[in-house]
N, C-alpha and C. Protein backbone atom coordinates (compact mmCIF):
# COMPACT_ATOMS: atom_id res chain seq x y z
N ALA A 1 0.82 -1.19 0.00
CA ALA A 1 0.00 0.00 0.00
C ALA A 1 0.87 1.26 0.00
N LYS A 2 2.02 1.19 0.66
CA LYS A 2 2.92 2.35 0.74
C LYS A 2 3.32 2.83 -0.65
N CYS A 3 3.74 1.93 -1.51
CA CYS A 3 4.28 2.34 -2.81
C CYS A 3 3.21 2.52 -3.88
N PHE A 4 2.04 1.92 -3.71
CA PHE A 4 0.99 2.14 -4.71
C PHE A 4 0.50 3.57 -4.69
N GLY A 5 0.80 4.31 -3.66
CA GLY A 5 0.44 5.73 -3.61
C GLY A 5 1.35 6.61 -4.46
N TYR A 6 2.47 6.05 -4.93
CA TYR A 6 3.41 6.79 -5.77
C TYR A 6 3.11 6.50 -7.24
N ASP A 7 3.34 7.48 -8.09
CA ASP A 7 3.19 7.25 -9.53
C ASP A 7 4.24 6.26 -10.00
N PRO A 8 3.87 5.33 -10.91
CA PRO A 8 4.86 4.40 -11.46
C PRO A 8 6.04 5.17 -12.06
N GLY A 9 7.23 4.68 -11.77
CA GLY A 9 8.43 5.34 -12.29
C GLY A 9 9.06 6.30 -11.31
N THR A 10 8.34 6.63 -10.23
CA THR A 10 8.86 7.59 -9.26
C THR A 10 9.37 6.93 -7.99
N GLU A 11 9.27 5.58 -7.93
CA GLU A 11 9.53 4.91 -6.66
C GLU A 11 10.40 3.67 -6.84
N THR A 12 10.95 3.23 -5.74
CA THR A 12 11.51 1.89 -5.60
C THR A 12 10.86 1.31 -4.35
N TRP A 13 10.74 0.00 -4.29
CA TRP A 13 10.07 -0.63 -3.16
C TRP A 13 11.07 -1.09 -2.10
N HIS A 14 12.31 -0.70 -2.24
CA HIS A 14 13.37 -1.06 -1.30
C HIS A 14 13.54 0.05 -0.26
N LEU A 15 13.78 -0.34 0.97
CA LEU A 15 14.04 0.59 2.07
C LEU A 15 12.89 1.55 2.36
N LYS A 16 11.69 1.02 2.40
CA LYS A 16 10.52 1.82 2.76
C LYS A 16 10.10 1.48 4.19
N GLU A 17 9.94 2.51 5.00
CA GLU A 17 9.45 2.31 6.37
C GLU A 17 7.94 2.12 6.32
N LEU A 18 7.45 1.17 7.11
CA LEU A 18 6.02 0.89 7.18
C LEU A 18 5.56 1.02 8.62
N ALA A 19 4.47 1.72 8.81
CA ALA A 19 3.93 1.94 10.15
C ALA A 19 3.21 0.69 10.64
N THR A 20 3.32 0.43 11.88
CA THR A 20 2.61 -0.64 12.61
C THR A 20 2.92 -2.05 12.12
N ILE A 21 3.99 -2.24 11.42
CA ILE A 21 4.39 -3.57 10.97
C ILE A 21 5.58 -4.01 11.81
N VAL A 22 5.58 -5.26 12.25
CA VAL A 22 6.68 -5.79 13.04
C VAL A 22 7.69 -6.43 12.09
N GLN A 23 8.96 -6.11 12.29
CA GLN A 23 9.99 -6.63 11.41
C GLN A 23 10.20 -8.12 11.60
N SER A 24 10.71 -8.78 10.56
CA SER A 24 11.02 -10.21 10.62
C SER A 24 12.25 -10.43 11.48
N ARG A 25 12.28 -11.52 12.17
CA ARG A 25 13.46 -11.91 12.95
C ARG A 25 14.08 -13.10 12.23
N LEU A 26 15.14 -12.84 11.49
CA LEU A 26 15.79 -13.87 10.71
C LEU A 26 17.26 -13.97 11.10
N SER A 27 17.78 -15.17 10.95
CA SER A 27 19.21 -15.36 11.20
C SER A 27 20.00 -14.66 10.09
N THR A 28 21.25 -14.39 10.35
CA THR A 28 22.12 -13.75 9.36
C THR A 28 22.19 -14.61 8.10
N ASP A 29 22.26 -15.92 8.26
CA ASP A 29 22.31 -16.83 7.11
C ASP A 29 21.06 -16.69 6.25
N LYS A 30 19.89 -16.66 6.88
CA LYS A 30 18.64 -16.50 6.12
C LYS A 30 18.57 -15.13 5.44
N LYS A 31 19.01 -14.09 6.14
CA LYS A 31 19.02 -12.74 5.55
C LYS A 31 19.90 -12.71 4.30
N ASN A 32 21.03 -13.37 4.35
CA ASN A 32 21.96 -13.38 3.22
C ASN A 32 21.43 -14.15 2.02
N LYS A 33 20.52 -15.10 2.25
CA LYS A 33 19.97 -15.90 1.15
C LYS A 33 18.77 -15.24 0.48
N LEU A 34 18.19 -14.22 1.09
CA LEU A 34 16.98 -13.60 0.54
C LEU A 34 17.15 -13.06 -0.88
N PRO A 35 18.22 -12.31 -1.19
CA PRO A 35 18.33 -11.76 -2.55
C PRO A 35 18.34 -12.82 -3.65
N GLU A 36 18.97 -13.96 -3.41
CA GLU A 36 19.03 -14.99 -4.45
C GLU A 36 17.70 -15.68 -4.68
N THR A 37 16.79 -15.60 -3.71
CA THR A 37 15.47 -16.23 -3.86
C THR A 37 14.39 -15.23 -4.25
N HIS A 38 14.75 -13.96 -4.34
CA HIS A 38 13.81 -12.89 -4.72
C HIS A 38 12.66 -12.76 -3.74
N ILE A 39 12.93 -13.02 -2.48
CA ILE A 39 11.92 -12.86 -1.44
C ILE A 39 12.19 -11.54 -0.73
N ASN A 40 11.16 -10.73 -0.62
CA ASN A 40 11.26 -9.46 0.08
C ASN A 40 10.93 -9.67 1.55
N THR A 41 11.46 -8.83 2.38
CA THR A 41 11.17 -8.95 3.79
C THR A 41 11.13 -7.57 4.43
N PHE A 42 10.83 -7.56 5.68
CA PHE A 42 10.73 -6.32 6.45
C PHE A 42 11.61 -6.52 7.67
N LEU A 43 12.73 -5.80 7.72
CA LEU A 43 13.74 -6.00 8.76
C LEU A 43 14.10 -4.69 9.46
N ARG A 44 14.73 -4.85 10.61
CA ARG A 44 15.32 -3.70 11.29
C ARG A 44 16.72 -3.55 10.73
N TYR A 45 16.98 -2.38 10.15
CA TYR A 45 18.27 -2.14 9.50
C TYR A 45 18.66 -0.70 9.73
N ALA A 46 19.86 -0.49 10.21
CA ALA A 46 20.40 0.86 10.44
C ALA A 46 19.44 1.71 11.30
N GLY A 47 18.84 1.07 12.27
CA GLY A 47 17.99 1.80 13.21
C GLY A 47 16.56 2.04 12.76
N CYS A 48 16.16 1.48 11.63
CA CYS A 48 14.76 1.66 11.21
C CYS A 48 14.20 0.34 10.72
N ASN A 49 12.88 0.21 10.80
CA ASN A 49 12.18 -0.96 10.27
C ASN A 49 11.82 -0.65 8.82
N CYS A 50 12.34 -1.44 7.89
CA CYS A 50 12.09 -1.11 6.48
C CYS A 50 12.04 -2.36 5.60
N THR A 51 11.46 -2.16 4.44
CA THR A 51 11.41 -3.23 3.45
C THR A 51 12.81 -3.46 2.88
N ILE A 52 13.10 -4.69 2.58
CA ILE A 52 14.37 -5.06 1.96
C ILE A 52 14.04 -5.84 0.70
N GLY A 53 14.53 -5.40 -0.42
CA GLY A 53 14.29 -6.09 -1.68
C GLY A 53 13.57 -5.21 -2.67
N GLY A 54 12.36 -5.58 -2.99
CA GLY A 54 11.59 -4.88 -4.00
C GLY A 54 11.47 -5.68 -5.28
N TYR A 55 11.65 -7.00 -5.17
CA TYR A 55 11.57 -7.90 -6.32
C TYR A 55 10.18 -8.48 -6.51
N THR A 56 9.93 -8.99 -7.70
CA THR A 56 8.85 -9.95 -7.91
C THR A 56 9.48 -11.33 -7.74
N LEU A 57 8.69 -12.36 -7.58
CA LEU A 57 9.26 -13.70 -7.44
C LEU A 57 9.99 -14.15 -8.69
N ALA A 58 9.65 -13.56 -9.84
CA ALA A 58 10.35 -13.89 -11.09
C ALA A 58 11.73 -13.24 -11.16
N GLY A 59 12.03 -12.33 -10.23
CA GLY A 59 13.35 -11.73 -10.18
C GLY A 59 13.45 -10.32 -10.72
N GLU A 60 12.38 -9.81 -11.30
CA GLU A 60 12.40 -8.42 -11.79
C GLU A 60 11.99 -7.50 -10.65
N TRP A 61 12.43 -6.26 -10.73
CA TRP A 61 12.06 -5.27 -9.72
C TRP A 61 10.59 -4.91 -9.87
N ILE A 62 9.89 -4.79 -8.76
CA ILE A 62 8.46 -4.45 -8.78
C ILE A 62 8.24 -3.10 -9.47
N ASP A 63 9.10 -2.12 -9.18
CA ASP A 63 8.92 -0.79 -9.77
C ASP A 63 9.10 -0.82 -11.28
N VAL A 64 9.94 -1.70 -11.79
CA VAL A 64 10.12 -1.82 -13.25
C VAL A 64 8.85 -2.37 -13.88
N ILE A 65 8.26 -3.39 -13.26
CA ILE A 65 7.01 -3.97 -13.78
C ILE A 65 5.89 -2.94 -13.76
N ARG A 66 5.76 -2.20 -12.66
CA ARG A 66 4.72 -1.17 -12.58
C ARG A 66 4.90 -0.12 -13.66
N PHE A 67 6.16 0.34 -13.83
CA PHE A 67 6.41 1.37 -14.83
C PHE A 67 6.17 0.84 -16.24
N ARG A 68 6.62 -0.37 -16.52
CA ARG A 68 6.40 -0.97 -17.84
C ARG A 68 4.91 -1.04 -18.17
N ASP A 69 4.12 -1.49 -17.21
CA ASP A 69 2.68 -1.59 -17.43
C ASP A 69 2.04 -0.21 -17.61
N TRP A 70 2.48 0.76 -16.82
CA TRP A 70 1.97 2.13 -16.97
C TRP A 70 2.31 2.68 -18.35
N LEU A 71 3.56 2.49 -18.78
CA LEU A 71 4.00 3.01 -20.07
C LEU A 71 3.21 2.39 -21.21
N LYS A 72 3.01 1.09 -21.18
CA LYS A 72 2.24 0.41 -22.22
C LYS A 72 0.81 0.95 -22.27
N ASN A 73 0.18 1.05 -21.11
CA ASN A 73 -1.19 1.56 -21.05
C ASN A 73 -1.28 3.00 -21.54
N GLU A 74 -0.35 3.83 -21.09
CA GLU A 74 -0.35 5.24 -21.48
C GLU A 74 -0.15 5.40 -22.99
N MET A 75 0.74 4.58 -23.57
CA MET A 75 0.96 4.68 -25.01
C MET A 75 -0.27 4.21 -25.78
N GLN A 76 -0.90 3.16 -25.32
CA GLN A 76 -2.13 2.69 -25.98
C GLN A 76 -3.21 3.76 -25.96
N ILE A 77 -3.38 4.42 -24.84
CA ILE A 77 -4.40 5.47 -24.71
C ILE A 77 -4.08 6.64 -25.64
N ARG A 78 -2.83 7.08 -25.65
CA ARG A 78 -2.46 8.25 -26.47
C ARG A 78 -2.59 7.95 -27.97
N VAL A 79 -2.15 6.77 -28.38
CA VAL A 79 -2.28 6.42 -29.81
C VAL A 79 -3.75 6.26 -30.17
N PHE A 80 -4.52 5.60 -29.31
CA PHE A 80 -5.95 5.45 -29.55
C PHE A 80 -6.61 6.82 -29.70
N ASN A 81 -6.24 7.77 -28.84
CA ASN A 81 -6.84 9.10 -28.91
C ASN A 81 -6.52 9.81 -30.21
N VAL A 82 -5.33 9.60 -30.75
CA VAL A 82 -5.01 10.18 -32.07
C VAL A 82 -5.99 9.65 -33.12
N LEU A 83 -6.24 8.35 -33.08
CA LEU A 83 -7.15 7.73 -34.05
C LEU A 83 -8.60 8.16 -33.82
N LYS A 84 -8.95 8.39 -32.56
CA LYS A 84 -10.33 8.71 -32.20
C LYS A 84 -10.68 10.17 -32.47
N VAL A 85 -9.82 11.10 -32.08
CA VAL A 85 -10.20 12.51 -32.15
C VAL A 85 -10.05 13.12 -33.55
N ASN A 86 -9.33 12.46 -34.41
CA ASN A 86 -9.19 12.96 -35.77
C ASN A 86 -10.22 12.30 -36.67
N ARG A 87 -10.80 13.08 -37.54
CA ARG A 87 -11.77 12.49 -38.46
C ARG A 87 -11.15 11.36 -39.27
N LYS A 88 -9.86 11.50 -39.55
CA LYS A 88 -9.14 10.47 -40.28
C LYS A 88 -7.65 10.70 -40.06
N VAL A 89 -6.92 9.63 -39.82
CA VAL A 89 -5.47 9.68 -39.79
C VAL A 89 -5.02 9.03 -41.09
N PRO A 90 -4.55 9.83 -42.03
CA PRO A 90 -4.23 9.27 -43.34
C PRO A 90 -3.01 8.36 -43.31
N PHE A 91 -2.98 7.40 -44.21
CA PHE A 91 -1.85 6.48 -44.32
C PHE A 91 -0.78 7.14 -45.18
N THR A 92 -0.31 8.27 -44.69
CA THR A 92 0.74 9.06 -45.36
C THR A 92 1.81 9.37 -44.32
N ASP A 93 2.88 9.98 -44.76
CA ASP A 93 3.92 10.36 -43.80
C ASP A 93 3.35 11.28 -42.73
N ASN A 94 2.46 12.17 -43.09
CA ASN A 94 1.85 13.07 -42.10
C ASN A 94 1.03 12.30 -41.07
N GLY A 95 0.27 11.33 -41.51
CA GLY A 95 -0.53 10.53 -40.58
C GLY A 95 0.35 9.68 -39.67
N ILE A 96 1.39 9.10 -40.25
CA ILE A 96 2.33 8.29 -39.46
C ILE A 96 3.03 9.18 -38.43
N THR A 97 3.34 10.41 -38.78
CA THR A 97 3.97 11.34 -37.85
C THR A 97 3.04 11.67 -36.69
N MET A 98 1.74 11.66 -36.92
CA MET A 98 0.79 11.88 -35.82
C MET A 98 0.91 10.75 -34.78
N ILE A 99 1.06 9.53 -35.26
CA ILE A 99 1.23 8.38 -34.37
C ILE A 99 2.57 8.51 -33.63
N GLU A 100 3.60 8.90 -34.36
CA GLU A 100 4.91 9.09 -33.74
C GLU A 100 4.84 10.16 -32.63
N GLY A 101 4.05 11.21 -32.86
CA GLY A 101 3.89 12.26 -31.85
C GLY A 101 3.28 11.73 -30.57
N ALA A 102 2.31 10.82 -30.68
CA ALA A 102 1.71 10.23 -29.49
C ALA A 102 2.72 9.35 -28.76
N MET A 103 3.52 8.61 -29.52
CA MET A 103 4.56 7.79 -28.91
C MET A 103 5.58 8.68 -28.18
N GLU A 104 6.00 9.75 -28.84
CA GLU A 104 6.97 10.68 -28.26
C GLU A 104 6.43 11.32 -26.98
N ALA A 105 5.17 11.73 -27.01
CA ALA A 105 4.57 12.35 -25.81
C ALA A 105 4.56 11.37 -24.64
N THR A 106 4.29 10.11 -24.92
CA THR A 106 4.28 9.09 -23.86
C THR A 106 5.67 8.90 -23.28
N LEU A 107 6.67 8.79 -24.14
CA LEU A 107 8.04 8.58 -23.66
C LEU A 107 8.57 9.80 -22.90
N LYS A 108 8.20 10.99 -23.36
CA LYS A 108 8.58 12.20 -22.61
C LYS A 108 7.93 12.22 -21.24
N ALA A 109 6.67 11.79 -21.16
CA ALA A 109 5.99 11.72 -19.86
C ALA A 109 6.70 10.71 -18.96
N GLY A 110 7.15 9.60 -19.55
CA GLY A 110 7.90 8.60 -18.79
C GLY A 110 9.21 9.15 -18.27
N GLN A 111 9.84 10.02 -19.04
CA GLN A 111 11.06 10.69 -18.58
C GLN A 111 10.75 11.67 -17.46
N LYS A 112 9.68 12.41 -17.64
CA LYS A 112 9.33 13.46 -16.67
C LYS A 112 9.07 12.87 -15.27
N ILE A 113 8.43 11.71 -15.21
CA ILE A 113 8.16 11.13 -13.89
C ILE A 113 9.33 10.32 -13.36
N GLY A 114 10.35 10.09 -14.20
CA GLY A 114 11.56 9.44 -13.69
C GLY A 114 11.72 7.97 -14.02
N GLY A 115 10.86 7.42 -14.84
CA GLY A 115 10.98 6.01 -15.22
C GLY A 115 11.98 5.79 -16.34
N ILE A 116 12.07 6.74 -17.26
CA ILE A 116 12.99 6.66 -18.39
C ILE A 116 14.12 7.64 -18.14
N ALA A 117 15.33 7.19 -18.41
CA ALA A 117 16.51 8.04 -18.20
C ALA A 117 16.47 9.24 -19.15
N PRO A 118 17.00 10.37 -18.71
CA PRO A 118 17.11 11.52 -19.62
C PRO A 118 18.25 11.29 -20.60
N THR A 119 18.35 12.12 -21.61
CA THR A 119 19.51 12.06 -22.49
C THR A 119 20.73 12.42 -21.66
N GLU A 120 21.73 11.56 -21.71
CA GLU A 120 22.97 11.79 -20.98
C GLU A 120 24.11 11.79 -21.99
N TYR A 121 25.32 12.02 -21.53
CA TYR A 121 26.46 12.14 -22.43
C TYR A 121 27.61 11.28 -21.95
N ASP A 122 28.28 10.62 -22.91
CA ASP A 122 29.44 9.81 -22.54
C ASP A 122 30.64 10.72 -22.30
N THR A 123 31.77 10.14 -21.99
CA THR A 123 32.95 10.93 -21.64
C THR A 123 33.47 11.76 -22.80
N ASP A 124 33.09 11.41 -24.03
CA ASP A 124 33.50 12.19 -25.21
C ASP A 124 32.47 13.26 -25.57
N GLY A 125 31.40 13.36 -24.79
CA GLY A 125 30.37 14.35 -25.07
C GLY A 125 29.31 13.90 -26.05
N ASN A 126 29.33 12.62 -26.43
CA ASN A 126 28.32 12.10 -27.35
C ASN A 126 27.02 11.82 -26.60
N PRO A 127 25.88 12.21 -27.17
CA PRO A 127 24.62 11.99 -26.47
C PRO A 127 24.25 10.51 -26.41
N ILE A 128 23.69 10.13 -25.27
CA ILE A 128 23.10 8.80 -25.09
C ILE A 128 21.62 9.07 -24.82
N PRO A 129 20.79 8.94 -25.85
CA PRO A 129 19.38 9.31 -25.66
C PRO A 129 18.68 8.40 -24.66
N GLY A 130 17.73 8.98 -23.96
CA GLY A 130 16.91 8.21 -23.03
C GLY A 130 15.97 7.28 -23.78
N TYR A 131 15.59 7.68 -24.97
CA TYR A 131 14.74 6.82 -25.80
C TYR A 131 14.94 7.18 -27.27
N THR A 132 14.60 6.24 -28.12
CA THR A 132 14.57 6.46 -29.57
C THR A 132 13.28 5.87 -30.12
N ILE A 133 12.82 6.45 -31.19
CA ILE A 133 11.61 5.98 -31.87
C ILE A 133 11.95 5.75 -33.32
N THR A 134 11.50 4.65 -33.87
CA THR A 134 11.62 4.43 -35.31
C THR A 134 10.23 4.12 -35.87
N ILE A 135 9.92 4.80 -36.93
CA ILE A 135 8.65 4.58 -37.63
C ILE A 135 8.95 4.48 -39.11
N PRO A 136 8.10 3.80 -39.86
CA PRO A 136 8.36 3.69 -41.29
C PRO A 136 7.86 4.92 -42.05
N LYS A 137 8.40 5.11 -43.21
CA LYS A 137 7.83 6.07 -44.16
C LYS A 137 6.71 5.35 -44.89
N ALA A 138 5.72 6.07 -45.31
CA ALA A 138 4.61 5.45 -46.03
C ALA A 138 5.11 4.72 -47.28
N SER A 139 6.12 5.27 -47.93
CA SER A 139 6.65 4.66 -49.16
C SER A 139 7.36 3.33 -48.91
N GLU A 140 7.74 3.05 -47.66
CA GLU A 140 8.42 1.80 -47.32
C GLU A 140 7.45 0.64 -47.13
N LEU A 141 6.17 0.93 -47.07
CA LEU A 141 5.17 -0.09 -46.81
C LEU A 141 4.55 -0.57 -48.11
N THR A 142 4.19 -1.84 -48.13
CA THR A 142 3.62 -2.42 -49.34
C THR A 142 2.17 -1.96 -49.51
N GLU A 143 1.68 -2.17 -50.70
CA GLU A 143 0.28 -1.85 -50.97
C GLU A 143 -0.63 -2.67 -50.07
N ALA A 144 -0.28 -3.94 -49.87
CA ALA A 144 -1.10 -4.80 -49.01
C ALA A 144 -1.10 -4.29 -47.57
N GLN A 145 0.04 -3.81 -47.11
CA GLN A 145 0.10 -3.26 -45.75
C GLN A 145 -0.77 -2.01 -45.64
N ARG A 146 -0.68 -1.13 -46.61
CA ARG A 146 -1.50 0.08 -46.56
C ARG A 146 -2.98 -0.26 -46.69
N LYS A 147 -3.30 -1.24 -47.53
CA LYS A 147 -4.69 -1.65 -47.72
C LYS A 147 -5.27 -2.23 -46.42
N SER A 148 -4.44 -2.88 -45.61
CA SER A 148 -4.91 -3.48 -44.36
C SER A 148 -5.29 -2.43 -43.32
N ARG A 149 -4.79 -1.20 -43.52
CA ARG A 149 -5.01 -0.08 -42.60
C ARG A 149 -4.37 -0.30 -41.23
N LYS A 150 -3.41 -1.20 -41.19
CA LYS A 150 -2.67 -1.48 -39.96
C LYS A 150 -1.24 -0.99 -40.16
N LEU A 151 -0.80 -0.05 -39.30
CA LEU A 151 0.53 0.53 -39.42
C LEU A 151 1.54 -0.32 -38.65
N PRO A 152 2.44 -1.02 -39.36
CA PRO A 152 3.44 -1.84 -38.67
C PRO A 152 4.74 -1.07 -38.42
N TYR A 153 5.64 -1.71 -37.71
CA TYR A 153 7.03 -1.25 -37.53
C TYR A 153 7.17 0.07 -36.77
N CYS A 154 6.25 0.36 -35.87
CA CYS A 154 6.42 1.53 -35.00
C CYS A 154 7.07 1.02 -33.72
N ASN A 155 8.33 1.38 -33.52
CA ASN A 155 9.11 0.83 -32.43
C ASN A 155 9.75 1.92 -31.60
N TYR A 156 10.01 1.60 -30.35
CA TYR A 156 10.79 2.49 -29.50
C TYR A 156 11.73 1.65 -28.64
N THR A 157 12.78 2.28 -28.22
CA THR A 157 13.71 1.72 -27.24
C THR A 157 13.90 2.79 -26.19
N ALA A 158 13.83 2.40 -24.93
CA ALA A 158 13.99 3.37 -23.84
C ALA A 158 14.90 2.77 -22.77
N ARG A 159 15.76 3.62 -22.21
CA ARG A 159 16.62 3.21 -21.10
C ARG A 159 15.92 3.51 -19.79
N LEU A 160 15.75 2.51 -18.96
CA LEU A 160 15.16 2.74 -17.65
C LEU A 160 16.09 3.58 -16.79
N ALA A 161 15.53 4.46 -16.00
CA ALA A 161 16.35 5.25 -15.08
C ALA A 161 16.84 4.38 -13.93
N GLY A 162 16.07 3.34 -13.58
CA GLY A 162 16.47 2.43 -12.52
C GLY A 162 16.53 3.12 -11.16
N ALA A 163 17.21 2.49 -10.22
CA ALA A 163 17.34 3.03 -8.87
C ALA A 163 18.60 2.47 -8.23
N ILE A 164 19.20 3.24 -7.38
CA ILE A 164 20.36 2.78 -6.63
C ILE A 164 19.87 2.21 -5.30
N HIS A 165 20.26 0.97 -5.01
CA HIS A 165 19.89 0.34 -3.75
C HIS A 165 21.10 0.12 -2.83
N VAL A 166 22.27 0.00 -3.41
CA VAL A 166 23.48 -0.29 -2.63
C VAL A 166 24.59 0.62 -3.13
N VAL A 167 25.41 1.10 -2.23
CA VAL A 167 26.54 1.94 -2.59
C VAL A 167 27.80 1.30 -2.03
N GLU A 168 28.79 1.13 -2.87
CA GLU A 168 30.09 0.62 -2.43
C GLU A 168 31.05 1.78 -2.33
N ILE A 169 31.57 2.01 -1.15
CA ILE A 169 32.50 3.10 -0.91
C ILE A 169 33.79 2.51 -0.38
N GLU A 170 34.88 2.95 -0.91
CA GLU A 170 36.17 2.50 -0.42
C GLU A 170 36.97 3.72 0.00
N GLY A 171 37.58 3.66 1.14
CA GLY A 171 38.36 4.79 1.61
C GLY A 171 39.61 4.33 2.33
N PHE A 172 40.54 5.20 2.45
CA PHE A 172 41.81 4.88 3.12
C PHE A 172 42.13 6.02 4.08
N LEU A 173 42.59 5.65 5.25
CA LEU A 173 43.04 6.62 6.22
C LEU A 173 44.55 6.50 6.33
N THR A 174 45.22 7.61 6.32
CA THR A 174 46.68 7.61 6.43
C THR A 174 47.14 8.68 7.41
N PHE A 175 48.36 8.58 7.86
CA PHE A 175 48.98 9.60 8.68
C PHE A 175 50.01 10.34 7.87
């Protein structure tokens, strides 16, 4: 219930304090085996009672699944609305661009809430886009494809922003 109050893409389910819940009492050996079994627990850690993990039993992060489902639903709604609110979306480059615009708006919304990484830059200053979209030109599609009124090959790739759960710090003290 704690994390369902957050918008998908804005949260991680790891290290969340929960009111009125009693933490698990597990041996160190059992605690160490939890990550490999993808079992989440509620433990006392660093002076607070908090969730540990954030996995699904299949091994994926819960927040990734929530964001993926939100993104799929949001894109379906936005593309559907393009088809619904326009008297006609022509099977031309202009019509295909309208579909691309709905895809772009969805991916930008995913970036805005923090589920998709922003465009970042490598050490040489080259951009690493948070997402890319590829759509066909009308001229690349066959007559049969256009006749079917089904637009194929609209694809996107997006980098998840992810979340940091563990930090490794190394330091040295000298005289």
